[in-house]
Amino acid sequence: MSSVLDLLYSVVVLLVAVGGIAGVYRIGWNERRNAQTPWGLVLAGIVALFVAAMVLSMVVG
């Protein structure tokens, strides 16, 4: 049973990572196009750190 939960956790972490990378790309693209405020880039950096932490927890855990 625990192997099924580990597999499910890994799939969820992978989906979150892919979604986070797509979100960072979209935020960066919109910010480059608009170039009005730095908040989009700050948010993209926070999301990138979150995704890195999720991937690291998947690899280590």
PDB file of N, CA and C in Angstrom:
ATOM      1  N   MET A   1       0.824  -1.204   0.000  1.00  0.00           N
ATOM      2  CA  MET A   1       0.000   0.000   0.000  1.00  0.00           C
ATOM      3  C   MET A   1       0.861   1.259   0.000  1.00  0.00           C
ATOM      4  N   SER A   2       1.964   1.223   0.733  1.00  0.00           N
ATOM      5  CA  SER A   2       2.798   2.419   0.799  1.00  0.00           C
ATOM      6  C   SER A   2       3.467   2.712  -0.539  1.00  0.00           C
ATOM      7  N   SER A   3       3.746   1.665  -1.331  1.00  0.00           N
ATOM      8  CA  SER A   3       4.356   1.912  -2.639  1.00  0.00           C
ATOM      9  C   SER A   3       3.375   2.625  -3.563  1.00  0.00           C
ATOM     10  N   VAL A   4       2.088   2.319  -3.435  1.00  0.00           N
ATOM     11  CA  VAL A   4       1.071   3.003  -4.240  1.00  0.00           C
ATOM     12  C   VAL A   4       0.988   4.464  -3.830  1.00  0.00           C
ATOM     13  N   LEU A   5       1.042   4.726  -2.535  1.00  0.00           N
ATOM     14  CA  LEU A   5       1.007   6.107  -2.053  1.00  0.00           C
ATOM     15  C   LEU A   5       2.259   6.872  -2.481  1.00  0.00           C
ATOM     16  N   ASP A   6       3.413   6.208  -2.452  1.00  0.00           N
ATOM     17  CA  ASP A   6       4.641   6.857  -2.915  1.00  0.00           C
ATOM     18  C   ASP A   6       4.552   7.199  -4.391  1.00  0.00           C
ATOM     19  N   LEU A   7       4.008   6.287  -5.187  1.00  0.00           N
ATOM     20  CA  LEU A   7       3.847   6.540  -6.614  1.00  0.00           C
ATOM     21  C   LEU A   7       2.879   7.693  -6.847  1.00  0.00           C
ATOM     22  N   LEU A   8       1.772   7.706  -6.118  1.00  0.00           N
ATOM     23  CA  LEU A   8       0.796   8.786  -6.246  1.00  0.00           C
ATOM     24  C   LEU A   8       1.415  10.123  -5.848  1.00  0.00           C
ATOM     25  N   TYR A   9       2.188  10.127  -4.771  1.00  0.00           N
ATOM     26  CA  TYR A   9       2.865  11.349  -4.331  1.00  0.00           C
ATOM     27  C   TYR A   9       3.841  11.837  -5.398  1.00  0.00           C
ATOM     28  N   SER A  10       4.586  10.927  -5.993  1.00  0.00           N
ATOM     29  CA  SER A  10       5.546  11.306  -7.030  1.00  0.00           C
ATOM     30  C   SER A  10       4.846  11.903  -8.242  1.00  0.00           C
ATOM     31  N   VAL A  11       3.715  11.324  -8.629  1.00  0.00           N
ATOM     32  CA  VAL A  11       2.962  11.848  -9.768  1.00  0.00           C
ATOM     33  C   VAL A  11       2.434  13.242  -9.455  1.00  0.00           C
ATOM     34  N   VAL A  12       1.913  13.442  -8.258  1.00  0.00           N
ATOM     35  CA  VAL A  12       1.391  14.755  -7.871  1.00  0.00           C
ATOM     36  C   VAL A  12       2.511  15.791  -7.854  1.00  0.00           C
ATOM     37  N   VAL A  13       3.661  15.436  -7.300  1.00  0.00           N
ATOM     38  CA  VAL A  13       4.793  16.369  -7.261  1.00  0.00           C
ATOM     39  C   VAL A  13       5.247  16.708  -8.672  1.00  0.00           C
ATOM     40  N   LEU A  14       5.279  15.711  -9.557  1.00  0.00           N
ATOM     41  CA  LEU A  14       5.674  15.962 -10.942  1.00  0.00           C
ATOM     42  C   LEU A  14       4.695  16.896 -11.634  1.00  0.00           C
ATOM     43  N   LEU A  15       3.400  16.693 -11.411  1.00  0.00           N
ATOM     44  CA  LEU A  15       2.396  17.574 -12.012  1.00  0.00           C
ATOM     45  C   LEU A  15       2.517  18.999 -11.479  1.00  0.00           C
ATOM     46  N   VAL A  16       2.754  19.134 -10.189  1.00  0.00           N
ATOM     47  CA  VAL A  16       2.929  20.465  -9.603  1.00  0.00           C
ATOM     48  C   VAL A  16       4.172  21.138 -10.178  1.00  0.00           C
ATOM     49  N   ALA A  17       5.244  20.363 -10.352  1.00  0.00           N
ATOM     50  CA  ALA A  17       6.470  20.927 -10.915  1.00  0.00           C
ATOM     51  C   ALA A  17       6.253  21.395 -12.346  1.00  0.00           C
ATOM     52  N   VAL A  18       5.586  20.576 -13.152  1.00  0.00           N
ATOM     53  CA  VAL A  18       5.322  20.956 -14.546  1.00  0.00           C
ATOM     54  C   VAL A  18       4.417  22.184 -14.596  1.00  0.00           C
ATOM     55  N   GLY A  19       3.385  22.210 -13.749  1.00  0.00           N
ATOM     56  CA  GLY A  19       2.508  23.376 -13.689  1.00  0.00           C
ATOM     57  C   GLY A  19       3.244  24.622 -13.235  1.00  0.00           C
ATOM     58  N   GLY A  20       4.149  24.467 -12.274  1.00  0.00           N
ATOM     59  CA  GLY A  20       4.929  25.611 -11.809  1.00  0.00           C
ATOM     60  C   GLY A  20       5.857  26.153 -12.879  1.00  0.00           C
ATOM     61  N   ILE A  21       6.492  25.253 -13.620  1.00  0.00           N
ATOM     62  CA  ILE A  21       7.373  25.695 -14.703  1.00  0.00           C
ATOM     63  C   ILE A  21       6.570  26.409 -15.780  1.00  0.00           C
ATOM     64  N   ALA A  22       5.402  25.868 -16.123  1.00  0.00           N
ATOM     65  CA  ALA A  22       4.547  26.528 -17.116  1.00  0.00           C
ATOM     66  C   ALA A  22       4.090  27.893 -16.613  1.00  0.00           C
ATOM     67  N   GLY A  23       3.772  27.983 -15.323  1.00  0.00           N
ATOM     68  CA  GLY A  23       3.360  29.262 -14.747  1.00  0.00           C
ATOM     69  C   GLY A  23       4.479  30.286 -14.760  1.00  0.00           C
ATOM     70  N   VAL A  24       5.695  29.844 -14.438  1.00  0.00           N
ATOM     71  CA  VAL A  24       6.842  30.754 -14.478  1.00  0.00           C
ATOM     72  C   VAL A  24       7.062  31.255 -15.900  1.00  0.00           C
ATOM     73  N   TYR A  25       6.960  30.373 -16.873  1.00  0.00           N
ATOM     74  CA  TYR A  25       7.139  30.777 -18.268  1.00  0.00           C
ATOM     75  C   TYR A  25       6.085  31.800 -18.669  1.00  0.00           C
ATOM     76  N   ARG A  26       4.829  31.542 -18.266  1.00  0.00           N
ATOM     77  CA  ARG A  26       3.750  32.460 -18.636  1.00  0.00           C
ATOM     78  C   ARG A  26       3.912  33.819 -17.947  1.00  0.00           C
ATOM     79  N   ILE A  27       4.254  33.793 -16.661  1.00  0.00           N
ATOM     80  CA  ILE A  27       4.458  35.047 -15.933  1.00  0.00           C
ATOM     81  C   ILE A  27       5.609  35.829 -16.548  1.00  0.00           C
ATOM     82  N   GLY A  28       6.710  35.141 -16.849  1.00  0.00           N
ATOM     83  CA  GLY A  28       7.853  35.817 -17.457  1.00  0.00           C
ATOM     84  C   GLY A  28       7.514  36.392 -18.816  1.00  0.00           C
ATOM     85  N   TRP A  29       6.721  35.651 -19.608  1.00  0.00           N
ATOM     86  CA  TRP A  29       6.345  36.135 -20.936  1.00  0.00           C
ATOM     87  C   TRP A  29       5.467  37.374 -20.821  1.00  0.00           C
ATOM     88  N   ASN A  30       4.466  37.339 -19.933  1.00  0.00           N
ATOM     89  CA  ASN A  30       3.582  38.495 -19.761  1.00  0.00           C
ATOM     90  C   ASN A  30       4.360  39.699 -19.242  1.00  0.00           C
ATOM     91  N   GLU A  31       5.294  39.465 -18.335  1.00  0.00           N
ATOM     92  CA  GLU A  31       6.065  40.561 -17.750  1.00  0.00           C
ATOM     93  C   GLU A  31       6.982  41.174 -18.803  1.00  0.00           C
ATOM     94  N   ARG A  32       7.548  40.353 -19.656  1.00  0.00           N
ATOM     95  CA  ARG A  32       8.403  40.865 -20.719  1.00  0.00           C
ATOM     96  C   ARG A  32       7.589  41.683 -21.708  1.00  0.00           C
ATOM     97  N   ARG A  33       6.381  41.215 -21.982  1.00  0.00           N
ATOM     98  CA  ARG A  33       5.533  41.907 -22.950  1.00  0.00           C
ATOM     99  C   ARG A  33       5.035  43.229 -22.379  1.00  0.00           C
ATOM    100  N   ASN A  34       4.623  43.217 -21.116  1.00  0.00           N
ATOM    101  CA  ASN A  34       4.067  44.431 -20.510  1.00  0.00           C
ATOM    102  C   ASN A  34       5.160  45.334 -19.939  1.00  0.00           C
ATOM    103  N   ALA A  35       6.109  44.741 -19.223  1.00  0.00           N
ATOM    104  CA  ALA A  35       7.239  45.459 -18.613  1.00  0.00           C
ATOM    105  C   ALA A  35       6.777  46.659 -17.795  1.00  0.00           C
ATOM    106  N   GLN A  36       5.775  46.448 -16.936  1.00  0.00           N
ATOM    107  CA  GLN A  36       5.248  47.547 -16.128  1.00  0.00           C
ATOM    108  C   GLN A  36       5.774  47.502 -14.697  1.00  0.00           C
ATOM    109  N   THR A  37       5.740  46.341 -14.072  1.00  0.00           N
ATOM    110  CA  THR A  37       6.154  46.237 -12.676  1.00  0.00           C
ATOM    111  C   THR A  37       7.079  45.034 -12.510  1.00  0.00           C
ATOM    112  N   PRO A  38       7.883  45.046 -11.452  1.00  0.00           N
ATOM    113  CA  PRO A  38       8.755  43.886 -11.206  1.00  0.00           C
ATOM    114  C   PRO A  38       8.058  42.750 -10.459  1.00  0.00           C
ATOM    115  N   TRP A  39       6.780  42.923 -10.089  1.00  0.00           N
ATOM    116  CA  TRP A  39       6.124  41.917  -9.254  1.00  0.00           C
ATOM    117  C   TRP A  39       5.967  40.583  -9.958  1.00  0.00           C
ATOM    118  N   GLY A  40       5.794  40.595 -11.267  1.00  0.00           N
ATOM    119  CA  GLY A  40       5.680  39.333 -11.997  1.00  0.00           C
ATOM    120  C   GLY A  40       6.955  38.519 -11.907  1.00  0.00           C
ATOM    121  N   LEU A  41       8.092  39.196 -12.000  1.00  0.00           N
ATOM    122  CA  LEU A  41       9.372  38.498 -11.899  1.00  0.00           C
ATOM    123  C   LEU A  41       9.615  37.996 -10.480  1.00  0.00           C
ATOM    124  N   VAL A  42       9.198  38.763  -9.483  1.00  0.00           N
ATOM    125  CA  VAL A  42       9.324  38.325  -8.092  1.00  0.00           C
ATOM    126  C   VAL A  42       8.476  37.082  -7.864  1.00  0.00           C
ATOM    127  N   LEU A  43       7.249  37.107  -8.354  1.00  0.00           N
ATOM    128  CA  LEU A  43       6.370  35.948  -8.223  1.00  0.00           C
ATOM    129  C   LEU A  43       6.941  34.750  -8.967  1.00  0.00           C
ATOM    130  N   ALA A  44       7.504  34.973 -10.139  1.00  0.00           N
ATOM    131  CA  ALA A  44       8.117  33.885 -10.902  1.00  0.00           C
ATOM    132  C   ALA A  44       9.282  33.276 -10.128  1.00  0.00           C
ATOM    133  N   GLY A  45      10.064  34.105  -9.461  1.00  0.00           N
ATOM    134  CA  GLY A  45      11.165  33.592  -8.650  1.00  0.00           C
ATOM    135  C   GLY A  45      10.679  32.762  -7.478  1.00  0.00           C
ATOM    136  N   ILE A  46       9.612  33.209  -6.822  1.00  0.00           N
ATOM    137  CA  ILE A  46       9.041  32.460  -5.702  1.00  0.00           C
ATOM    138  C   ILE A  46       8.513  31.119  -6.179  1.00  0.00           C
ATOM    139  N   VAL A  47       7.817  31.121  -7.310  1.00  0.00           N
ATOM    140  CA  VAL A  47       7.290  29.870  -7.862  1.00  0.00           C
ATOM    141  C   VAL A  47       8.435  28.938  -8.239  1.00  0.00           C
ATOM    142  N   ALA A  48       9.505  29.485  -8.807  1.00  0.00           N
ATOM    143  CA  ALA A  48      10.655  28.659  -9.183  1.00  0.00           C
ATOM    144  C   ALA A  48      11.289  28.016  -7.949  1.00  0.00           C
ATOM    145  N   LEU A  49      11.402  28.764  -6.851  1.00  0.00           N
ATOM    146  CA  LEU A  49      11.936  28.194  -5.618  1.00  0.00           C
ATOM    147  C   LEU A  49      11.026  27.105  -5.071  1.00  0.00           C
ATOM    148  N   PHE A  50       9.716  27.320  -5.138  1.00  0.00           N
ATOM    149  CA  PHE A  50       8.759  26.320  -4.672  1.00  0.00           C
ATOM    150  C   PHE A  50       8.875  25.044  -5.494  1.00  0.00           C
ATOM    151  N   VAL A  51       8.971  25.198  -6.817  1.00  0.00           N
ATOM    152  CA  VAL A  51       9.097  24.028  -7.694  1.00  0.00           C
ATOM    153  C   VAL A  51      10.400  23.292  -7.405  1.00  0.00           C
ATOM    154  N   ALA A  52      11.481  24.035  -7.194  1.00  0.00           N
ATOM    155  CA  ALA A  52      12.759  23.401  -6.878  1.00  0.00           C
ATOM    156  C   ALA A  52      12.672  22.625  -5.566  1.00  0.00           C
ATOM    157  N   ALA A  53      11.989  23.181  -4.572  1.00  0.00           N
ATOM    158  CA  ALA A  53      11.822  22.488  -3.296  1.00  0.00           C
ATOM    159  C   ALA A  53      10.983  21.228  -3.463  1.00  0.00           C
ATOM    160  N   MET A  54       9.947  21.291  -4.286  1.00  0.00           N
ATOM    161  CA  MET A  54       9.111  20.113  -4.520  1.00  0.00           C
ATOM    162  C   MET A  54       9.901  19.010  -5.221  1.00  0.00           C
ATOM    163  N   VAL A  55      10.666  19.379  -6.243  1.00  0.00           N
ATOM    164  CA  VAL A  55      11.462  18.382  -6.962  1.00  0.00           C
ATOM    165  C   VAL A  55      12.528  17.794  -6.040  1.00  0.00           C
ATOM    166  N   LEU A  56      13.157  18.634  -5.222  1.00  0.00           N
ATOM    167  CA  LEU A  56      14.167  18.147  -4.292  1.00  0.00           C
ATOM    168  C   LEU A  56      13.561  17.185  -3.276  1.00  0.00           C
ATOM    169  N   SER A  57      12.364  17.488  -2.793  1.00  0.00           N
ATOM    170  CA  SER A  57      11.716  16.587  -1.840  1.00  0.00           C
ATOM    171  C   SER A  57      11.353  15.266  -2.500  1.00  0.00           C
ATOM    172  N   MET A  58      11.032  15.298  -3.797  1.00  0.00           N
ATOM    173  CA  MET A  58      10.721  14.059  -4.506  1.00  0.00           C
ATOM    174  C   MET A  58      11.988  13.222  -4.678  1.00  0.00           C
ATOM    175  N   VAL A  59      13.101  13.867  -4.994  1.00  0.00           N
ATOM    176  CA  VAL A  59      14.347  13.137  -5.225  1.00  0.00           C
ATOM    177  C   VAL A  59      14.898  12.577  -3.915  1.00  0.00           C
ATOM    178  N   VAL A  60      14.890  13.394  -2.869  1.00  0.00           N
ATOM    179  CA  VAL A  60      15.453  12.971  -1.587  1.00  0.00           C
ATOM    180  C   VAL A  60      14.516  12.005  -0.870  1.00  0.00           C
ATOM    181  N   GLY A  61      13.230  12.330  -0.870  1.00  0.00           N
ATOM    182  CA  GLY A  61      12.263  11.520  -0.139  1.00  0.00           C
ATOM    183  C   GLY A  61      11.912  10.295  -0.869  1.00  0.00           C
TER     184      GLY A  61
END
